[in-house]
Amino acid sequence: MELVCPLCNGMLNYEIYCLGCGNRLKDTGAIVDYLDEYSPYLSNDITQLVDGVEHEKCCHLFKCEKCGFEKRVKINRVRM
């Protein structure tokens, strides 16, 4: 069994709202996907070493489409 992010895999719906305007924030994906053009295609074993969060968490970037506010949220990985 391996640890997977339920948000990356569509098993979780996470709602968070903008501190500035109250608009619902959009999940723009895992932080590791923004490291370079190949990072979305690398295995979790590699990307978990460079994202700066605990092994059992996946850090997602949420962004407000109205005012541009951004927030990083650590999501607990689950065993699959």
Protein backbone atom coordinates (compact mmCIF):
# COMPACT_ATOMS: atom_id res chain seq x y z
CA MET A 1 0.00 0.00 0.00
CA GLU A 2 1.25 3.46 -0.80
CA LEU A 3 0.34 6.94 0.38
CA VAL A 4 -1.63 8.97 -2.17
CA CYS A 5 -3.16 12.43 -2.08
CA PRO A 6 -6.97 12.21 -2.07
CA LEU A 7 -7.25 15.68 -3.62
CA CYS A 8 -4.86 14.90 -6.51
CA ASN A 9 -6.80 11.67 -7.14
CA GLY A 10 -10.31 13.16 -7.04
CA MET A 11 -11.36 11.41 -3.82
CA LEU A 12 -11.78 14.63 -1.80
CA ASN A 13 -13.59 17.92 -2.30
CA TYR A 14 -11.86 20.67 -0.30
CA GLU A 15 -13.52 24.08 0.07
CA ILE A 16 -11.62 27.11 1.28
CA TYR A 17 -12.53 30.77 0.96
CA CYS A 18 -10.52 33.92 0.30
CA LEU A 19 -9.54 35.95 3.34
CA GLY A 20 -9.68 39.14 1.26
CA CYS A 21 -12.94 38.98 -0.70
CA GLY A 22 -14.72 35.82 0.50
CA ASN A 23 -14.69 34.17 -2.92
CA ARG A 24 -14.19 30.40 -3.06
CA LEU A 25 -10.56 29.51 -3.81
CA LYS A 26 -9.73 27.24 -6.75
CA ASP A 27 -7.37 24.29 -6.28
CA THR A 28 -4.62 24.89 -8.85
CA GLY A 29 -2.83 21.64 -8.01
CA ALA A 30 0.05 20.29 -6.00
CA ILE A 31 3.01 22.64 -5.40
CA VAL A 32 5.43 20.05 -6.81
CA ASP A 33 3.72 20.34 -10.21
CA TYR A 34 5.05 23.91 -10.47
CA LEU A 35 8.73 23.09 -9.86
CA ASP A 36 9.59 22.57 -13.54
CA GLU A 37 7.99 21.30 -16.73
CA TYR A 38 8.70 17.63 -15.93
CA SER A 39 7.72 17.54 -12.25
CA PRO A 40 4.08 16.48 -12.86
CA TYR A 41 5.44 13.34 -14.54
CA LEU A 42 7.91 12.32 -11.83
CA SER A 43 7.11 9.61 -9.29
CA ASN A 44 5.94 10.57 -5.80
CA ASP A 45 9.15 9.09 -4.36
CA ILE A 46 11.12 11.86 -6.06
CA THR A 47 8.77 14.82 -5.66
CA GLN A 48 8.16 14.15 -1.97
CA LEU A 49 11.83 14.86 -1.33
CA VAL A 50 11.71 18.41 -2.71
CA ASP A 51 8.34 19.92 -1.79
CA GLY A 52 9.33 20.87 1.77
CA VAL A 53 6.41 19.17 3.52
CA GLU A 54 6.12 16.00 5.55
CA HIS A 55 6.11 12.69 3.63
CA GLU A 56 2.49 11.98 4.63
CA LYS A 57 1.20 15.31 3.26
CA CYS A 58 0.70 16.88 -0.18
CA CYS A 59 0.85 20.67 -0.42
CA HIS A 60 -1.73 22.24 -2.76
CA LEU A 61 -1.93 25.81 -4.01
CA PHE A 62 -5.36 27.42 -3.84
CA LYS A 63 -5.96 30.71 -5.64
CA CYS A 64 -8.74 33.30 -5.72
CA GLU A 65 -9.78 34.00 -9.30
CA LYS A 66 -11.28 37.32 -8.25
CA CYS A 67 -8.47 39.07 -6.32
CA GLY A 68 -5.46 36.77 -6.82
CA PHE A 69 -5.01 35.75 -3.15
CA GLU A 70 -3.05 32.49 -2.80
CA LYS A 71 -2.92 29.97 0.03
CA ARG A 72 -0.94 26.76 0.45
CA VAL A 73 -2.80 23.90 2.15
CA LYS A 74 -1.25 20.64 3.36
CA ILE A 75 -3.51 17.67 2.58
CA ASN A 76 -3.09 14.39 4.48
CA ARG A 77 -2.24 11.48 2.19
CA VAL A 78 -4.21 8.23 2.58
CA ARG A 79 -3.12 4.59 2.17
CA MET A 80 -4.34 2.89 -0.99
